[in-house]
């Protein structure tokens, strides 16, 4: 399996589409669009990529559950790219202080978010009160045509353990230690 992490939020739509088509032509299996704050929204970029490619799997590499709720965006993208949508989720990076968002207990929040997202993507009405993540009596009105794989990004030992426990795959963050 070939995979590449592409940080693309600064590119124009035409350039983004060209890069995605080239990645597909070169045989990459995954096109990950980083959720970098203050660049363009990854879900807009992923929709463009999905509409202009045929085979490559598309997903955020990665998004987070603090400033947004990824379940609806992932379900919507899966309707545009059935069978090709993946969800990459992690604790997030820079940009939270400017947004007034506090990144609390990632080793707890991410597994809770994954549990909630799976239940929402399965069509359940959910009332969820985790230690960090809360959701009150809601359900998605848009559902993916099939279950979505969820990859969890991690770099420290606690997050790597949590990612291995709840994810369908683990994205070892670029700063992971050799021990990790």
C-alpha atoms as a PDB file:
ATOM      1  CA  UNK A   1       0.000   0.000   0.000  1.00  0.00           C
ATOM      2  CA  UNK A   2       1.384   3.386  -0.955  1.00  0.00           C
ATOM      3  CA  UNK A   3       0.382   6.360   1.144  1.00  0.00           C
ATOM      4  CA  UNK A   4       1.482   9.953   1.262  1.00  0.00           C
ATOM      5  CA  UNK A   5       0.749  12.792   3.634  1.00  0.00           C
ATOM      6  CA  UNK A   6       0.111  15.932   1.607  1.00  0.00           C
ATOM      7  CA  UNK A   7      -0.385  19.297   3.321  1.00  0.00           C
ATOM      8  CA  UNK A   8      -2.331  21.202   0.710  1.00  0.00           C
ATOM      9  CA  UNK A   9      -4.384  23.940   2.346  1.00  0.00           C
ATOM     10  CA  UNK A  10      -2.502  26.774   0.659  1.00  0.00           C
ATOM     11  CA  UNK A  11      -2.980  25.605  -2.944  1.00  0.00           C
ATOM     12  CA  UNK A  12      -5.548  26.874  -5.428  1.00  0.00           C
ATOM     13  CA  UNK A  13      -8.353  24.506  -6.415  1.00  0.00           C
ATOM     14  CA  UNK A  14      -6.751  23.864  -9.837  1.00  0.00           C
ATOM     15  CA  UNK A  15      -3.379  23.041  -8.255  1.00  0.00           C
ATOM     16  CA  UNK A  16      -4.997  20.817  -5.623  1.00  0.00           C
ATOM     17  CA  UNK A  17      -6.867  18.834  -8.286  1.00  0.00           C
ATOM     18  CA  UNK A  18      -3.673  18.473 -10.348  1.00  0.00           C
ATOM     19  CA  UNK A  19      -1.758  17.156  -7.324  1.00  0.00           C
ATOM     20  CA  UNK A  20      -4.529  14.681  -6.499  1.00  0.00           C
ATOM     21  CA  UNK A  21      -4.693  13.397 -10.071  1.00  0.00           C
ATOM     22  CA  UNK A  22      -0.914  12.997 -10.122  1.00  0.00           C
ATOM     23  CA  UNK A  23      -0.978  11.101  -6.808  1.00  0.00           C
ATOM     24  CA  UNK A  24      -3.635   8.784  -8.233  1.00  0.00           C
ATOM     25  CA  UNK A  25      -1.669   8.317 -11.467  1.00  0.00           C
ATOM     26  CA  UNK A  26       1.477   7.471  -9.467  1.00  0.00           C
ATOM     27  CA  UNK A  27      -0.416   4.730  -7.635  1.00  0.00           C
ATOM     28  CA  UNK A  28      -0.961   6.285  -4.229  1.00  0.00           C
ATOM     29  CA  UNK A  29      -3.807   4.656  -2.343  1.00  0.00           C
ATOM     30  CA  UNK A  30      -4.612   7.509   0.058  1.00  0.00           C
ATOM     31  CA  UNK A  31      -4.876  11.264  -0.318  1.00  0.00           C
ATOM     32  CA  UNK A  32      -4.725  12.844   3.143  1.00  0.00           C
ATOM     33  CA  UNK A  33      -5.631  16.544   3.424  1.00  0.00           C
ATOM     34  CA  UNK A  34      -4.397  18.099   6.673  1.00  0.00           C
ATOM     35  CA  UNK A  35      -6.854  20.110   8.756  1.00  0.00           C
ATOM     36  CA  UNK A  36      -4.532  23.085   9.235  1.00  0.00           C
ATOM     37  CA  UNK A  37      -6.191  26.032  10.898  1.00  0.00           C
ATOM     38  CA  UNK A  38      -6.392  29.252   8.857  1.00  0.00           C
ATOM     39  CA  UNK A  39      -5.960  27.550   5.492  1.00  0.00           C
ATOM     40  CA  UNK A  40      -8.897  26.337   3.517  1.00  0.00           C
ATOM     41  CA  UNK A  41     -11.256  23.870   4.979  1.00  0.00           C
ATOM     42  CA  UNK A  42     -10.112  20.291   4.386  1.00  0.00           C
ATOM     43  CA  UNK A  43     -13.619  19.051   3.645  1.00  0.00           C
ATOM     44  CA  UNK A  44     -13.989  21.523   0.769  1.00  0.00           C
ATOM     45  CA  UNK A  45     -10.621  20.413  -0.613  1.00  0.00           C
ATOM     46  CA  UNK A  46     -11.454  16.736  -0.145  1.00  0.00           C
ATOM     47  CA  UNK A  47     -14.753  17.188  -1.978  1.00  0.00           C
ATOM     48  CA  UNK A  48     -12.901  18.740  -4.918  1.00  0.00           C
ATOM     49  CA  UNK A  49     -10.391  15.897  -4.907  1.00  0.00           C
ATOM     50  CA  UNK A  50     -13.110  13.234  -4.668  1.00  0.00           C
ATOM     51  CA  UNK A  51     -15.052  14.764  -7.558  1.00  0.00           C
ATOM     52  CA  UNK A  52     -11.946  14.874  -9.745  1.00  0.00           C
ATOM     53  CA  UNK A  53     -10.410  11.451  -9.093  1.00  0.00           C
ATOM     54  CA  UNK A  54     -11.674   7.912  -9.554  1.00  0.00           C
ATOM     55  CA  UNK A  55      -9.772   5.486  -7.354  1.00  0.00           C
ATOM     56  CA  UNK A  56      -7.710   7.146  -4.636  1.00  0.00           C
ATOM     57  CA  UNK A  57      -9.138   7.087  -1.098  1.00  0.00           C
ATOM     58  CA  UNK A  58      -9.643  10.537   0.425  1.00  0.00           C
ATOM     59  CA  UNK A  59      -9.774  11.800   3.986  1.00  0.00           C
ATOM     60  CA  UNK A  60      -8.535  14.370   6.440  1.00  0.00           C
ATOM     61  CA  UNK A  61      -5.051  13.620   7.642  1.00  0.00           C
ATOM     62  CA  UNK A  62      -6.088  14.494  10.291  1.00  0.00           C
ATOM     63  CA  UNK A  63      -9.030  16.410  11.713  1.00  0.00           C
ATOM     64  CA  UNK A  64      -9.913  16.860  15.379  1.00  0.00           C
ATOM     65  CA  UNK A  65     -12.982  16.789  17.623  1.00  0.00           C
ATOM     66  CA  UNK A  66     -12.373  20.063  19.488  1.00  0.00           C
ATOM     67  CA  UNK A  67     -13.175  22.838  16.995  1.00  0.00           C
ATOM     68  CA  UNK A  68     -15.454  20.814  14.701  1.00  0.00           C
ATOM     69  CA  UNK A  69     -17.508  17.650  14.660  1.00  0.00           C
ATOM     70  CA  UNK A  70     -16.141  15.362  11.958  1.00  0.00           C
ATOM     71  CA  UNK A  71     -19.029  12.867  11.760  1.00  0.00           C
ATOM     72  CA  UNK A  72     -21.290  14.960   9.499  1.00  0.00           C
ATOM     73  CA  UNK A  73     -18.445  16.056   7.225  1.00  0.00           C
ATOM     74  CA  UNK A  74     -17.183  12.477   6.866  1.00  0.00           C
ATOM     75  CA  UNK A  75     -20.675  11.146   6.144  1.00  0.00           C
ATOM     76  CA  UNK A  76     -21.233  13.867   3.536  1.00  0.00           C
ATOM     77  CA  UNK A  77     -17.891  13.177   1.849  1.00  0.00           C
ATOM     78  CA  UNK A  78     -18.685   9.452   1.798  1.00  0.00           C
ATOM     79  CA  UNK A  79     -21.800  10.241  -0.242  1.00  0.00           C
ATOM     80  CA  UNK A  80     -19.598  12.046  -2.795  1.00  0.00           C
ATOM     81  CA  UNK A  81     -16.882   9.356  -2.744  1.00  0.00           C
ATOM     82  CA  UNK A  82     -18.551   6.076  -1.742  1.00  0.00           C
ATOM     83  CA  UNK A  83     -16.041   3.365  -0.936  1.00  0.00           C
ATOM     84  CA  UNK A  84     -13.180   5.878  -1.033  1.00  0.00           C
ATOM     85  CA  UNK A  85     -13.691   7.927   2.132  1.00  0.00           C
ATOM     86  CA  UNK A  86     -11.589   7.472   5.254  1.00  0.00           C
ATOM     87  CA  UNK A  87     -11.544   9.510   8.431  1.00  0.00           C
ATOM     88  CA  UNK A  88      -8.251  10.509  10.006  1.00  0.00           C
ATOM     89  CA  UNK A  89      -8.678  11.926  13.498  1.00  0.00           C
ATOM     90  CA  UNK A  90      -6.214  13.166  16.071  1.00  0.00           C
ATOM     91  CA  UNK A  91      -5.596  15.678  18.810  1.00  0.00           C
ATOM     92  CA  UNK A  92      -4.884  18.539  16.415  1.00  0.00           C
ATOM     93  CA  UNK A  93      -2.018  20.951  16.145  1.00  0.00           C
ATOM     94  CA  UNK A  94      -1.528  24.707  16.159  1.00  0.00           C
ATOM     95  CA  UNK A  95      -4.329  27.226  15.894  1.00  0.00           C
ATOM     96  CA  UNK A  96      -6.403  26.397  18.941  1.00  0.00           C
ATOM     97  CA  UNK A  97      -5.434  29.420  21.079  1.00  0.00           C
ATOM     98  CA  UNK A  98      -6.440  31.812  18.287  1.00  0.00           C
ATOM     99  CA  UNK A  99      -9.802  30.051  17.997  1.00  0.00           C
ATOM    100  CA  UNK A 100     -10.360  30.036  21.750  1.00  0.00           C
ATOM    101  CA  UNK A 101     -10.415  26.239  21.729  1.00  0.00           C
ATOM    102  CA  UNK A 102      -8.883  24.241  24.546  1.00  0.00           C
ATOM    103  CA  UNK A 103      -7.424  20.857  23.631  1.00  0.00           C
ATOM    104  CA  UNK A 104      -8.302  18.730  26.651  1.00  0.00           C
ATOM    105  CA  UNK A 105      -6.967  15.246  27.508  1.00  0.00           C
ATOM    106  CA  UNK A 106      -6.312  13.902  23.987  1.00  0.00           C
ATOM    107  CA  UNK A 107      -5.727  10.316  25.180  1.00  0.00           C
ATOM    108  CA  UNK A 108      -9.275  10.400  26.596  1.00  0.00           C
ATOM    109  CA  UNK A 109     -10.973  12.710  24.092  1.00  0.00           C
ATOM    110  CA  UNK A 110      -9.932  10.906  20.902  1.00  0.00           C
ATOM    111  CA  UNK A 111     -11.223   7.433  21.904  1.00  0.00           C
ATOM    112  CA  UNK A 112     -14.451   9.060  23.119  1.00  0.00           C
ATOM    113  CA  UNK A 113     -14.779  10.945  19.830  1.00  0.00           C
ATOM    114  CA  UNK A 114     -14.188   7.767  17.815  1.00  0.00           C
ATOM    115  CA  UNK A 115     -16.889   5.937  19.771  1.00  0.00           C
ATOM    116  CA  UNK A 116     -19.339   8.795  19.234  1.00  0.00           C
ATOM    117  CA  UNK A 117     -18.487   9.142  15.536  1.00  0.00           C
ATOM    118  CA  UNK A 118     -18.958   5.396  14.903  1.00  0.00           C
ATOM    119  CA  UNK A 119     -22.369   5.478  16.573  1.00  0.00           C
ATOM    120  CA  UNK A 120     -23.451   8.565  14.616  1.00  0.00           C
ATOM    121  CA  UNK A 121     -22.195   7.126  11.311  1.00  0.00           C
ATOM    122  CA  UNK A 122     -24.195   3.951  12.064  1.00  0.00           C
ATOM    123  CA  UNK A 123     -27.377   6.042  12.169  1.00  0.00           C
ATOM    124  CA  UNK A 124     -27.953   5.913  15.925  1.00  0.00           C
ATOM    125  CA  UNK A 125     -29.607   8.667  17.917  1.00  0.00           C
ATOM    126  CA  UNK A 126     -26.919   9.371  20.483  1.00  0.00           C
ATOM    127  CA  UNK A 127     -26.790  10.870  23.940  1.00  0.00           C
ATOM    128  CA  UNK A 128     -23.126  10.730  24.986  1.00  0.00           C
ATOM    129  CA  UNK A 129     -21.506  12.004  28.170  1.00  0.00           C
ATOM    130  CA  UNK A 130     -17.828  11.137  28.160  1.00  0.00           C
ATOM    131  CA  UNK A 131     -15.153  12.621  30.359  1.00  0.00           C
ATOM    132  CA  UNK A 132     -14.280  15.163  27.624  1.00  0.00           C
ATOM    133  CA  UNK A 133     -16.712  14.688  24.712  1.00  0.00           C
ATOM    134  CA  UNK A 134     -20.398  15.505  25.099  1.00  0.00           C
ATOM    135  CA  UNK A 135     -23.257  15.093  22.644  1.00  0.00           C
ATOM    136  CA  UNK A 136     -26.944  15.567  23.421  1.00  0.00           C
ATOM    137  CA  UNK A 137     -29.649  13.466  21.857  1.00  0.00           C
ATOM    138  CA  UNK A 138     -28.794  13.917  18.208  1.00  0.00           C
ATOM    139  CA  UNK A 139     -28.371  11.937  15.038  1.00  0.00           C
ATOM    140  CA  UNK A 140     -27.052  12.513  11.567  1.00  0.00           C
ATOM    141  CA  UNK A 141     -29.504  13.121   8.763  1.00  0.00           C
ATOM    142  CA  UNK A 142     -26.825  12.171   6.205  1.00  0.00           C
ATOM    143  CA  UNK A 143     -25.323   8.698   6.488  1.00  0.00           C
ATOM    144  CA  UNK A 144     -22.419   7.146   4.617  1.00  0.00           C
ATOM    145  CA  UNK A 145     -23.330   4.344   2.212  1.00  0.00           C
ATOM    146  CA  UNK A 146     -20.976   1.984   4.106  1.00  0.00           C
ATOM    147  CA  UNK A 147     -18.965   1.985   7.345  1.00  0.00           C
ATOM    148  CA  UNK A 148     -15.960   4.321   7.221  1.00  0.00           C
ATOM    149  CA  UNK A 149     -12.526   3.286   8.412  1.00  0.00           C
ATOM    150  CA  UNK A 150     -11.197   5.579  11.117  1.00  0.00           C
ATOM    151  CA  UNK A 151      -7.444   6.118  11.383  1.00  0.00           C
ATOM    152  CA  UNK A 152      -6.183   7.698  14.592  1.00  0.00           C
ATOM    153  CA  UNK A 153      -3.077   9.882  14.647  1.00  0.00           C
ATOM    154  CA  UNK A 154      -0.735   9.558  17.601  1.00  0.00           C
ATOM    155  CA  UNK A 155       2.772  10.419  18.698  1.00  0.00           C
ATOM    156  CA  UNK A 156       3.145   9.802  22.453  1.00  0.00           C
ATOM    157  CA  UNK A 157       2.862   6.413  24.181  1.00  0.00           C
ATOM    158  CA  UNK A 158      -0.626   7.037  25.655  1.00  0.00           C
ATOM    159  CA  UNK A 159      -2.031   8.237  22.324  1.00  0.00           C
ATOM    160  CA  UNK A 160      -0.396   5.404  20.382  1.00  0.00           C
ATOM    161  CA  UNK A 161      -1.976   2.892  22.788  1.00  0.00           C
ATOM    162  CA  UNK A 162      -5.370   4.619  22.492  1.00  0.00           C
ATOM    163  CA  UNK A 163      -5.092   4.762  18.693  1.00  0.00           C
ATOM    164  CA  UNK A 164      -4.268   1.058  18.492  1.00  0.00           C
ATOM    165  CA  UNK A 165      -7.245   0.269  20.729  1.00  0.00           C
ATOM    166  CA  UNK A 166      -9.940   2.252  18.870  1.00  0.00           C
ATOM    167  CA  UNK A 167      -8.685   2.871  15.329  1.00  0.00           C
ATOM    168  CA  UNK A 168      -8.933   0.829  12.162  1.00  0.00           C
ATOM    169  CA  UNK A 169      -5.421   2.111  11.515  1.00  0.00           C
ATOM    170  CA  UNK A 170      -2.843   4.272  13.265  1.00  0.00           C
ATOM    171  CA  UNK A 171      -1.127   7.290  11.741  1.00  0.00           C
ATOM    172  CA  UNK A 172       2.188   7.671  13.513  1.00  0.00           C
ATOM    173  CA  UNK A 173       2.660  11.425  13.742  1.00  0.00           C
ATOM    174  CA  UNK A 174       5.861  12.785  12.224  1.00  0.00           C
ATOM    175  CA  UNK A 175       7.224  13.531  15.668  1.00  0.00           C
ATOM    176  CA  UNK A 176       6.714  10.061  17.144  1.00  0.00           C
ATOM    177  CA  UNK A 177       9.633   8.856  19.156  1.00  0.00           C
ATOM    178  CA  UNK A 178      11.692   5.791  18.133  1.00  0.00           C
ATOM    179  CA  UNK A 179      10.360   4.094  21.262  1.00  0.00           C
ATOM    180  CA  UNK A 180       6.787   4.713  20.096  1.00  0.00           C
END
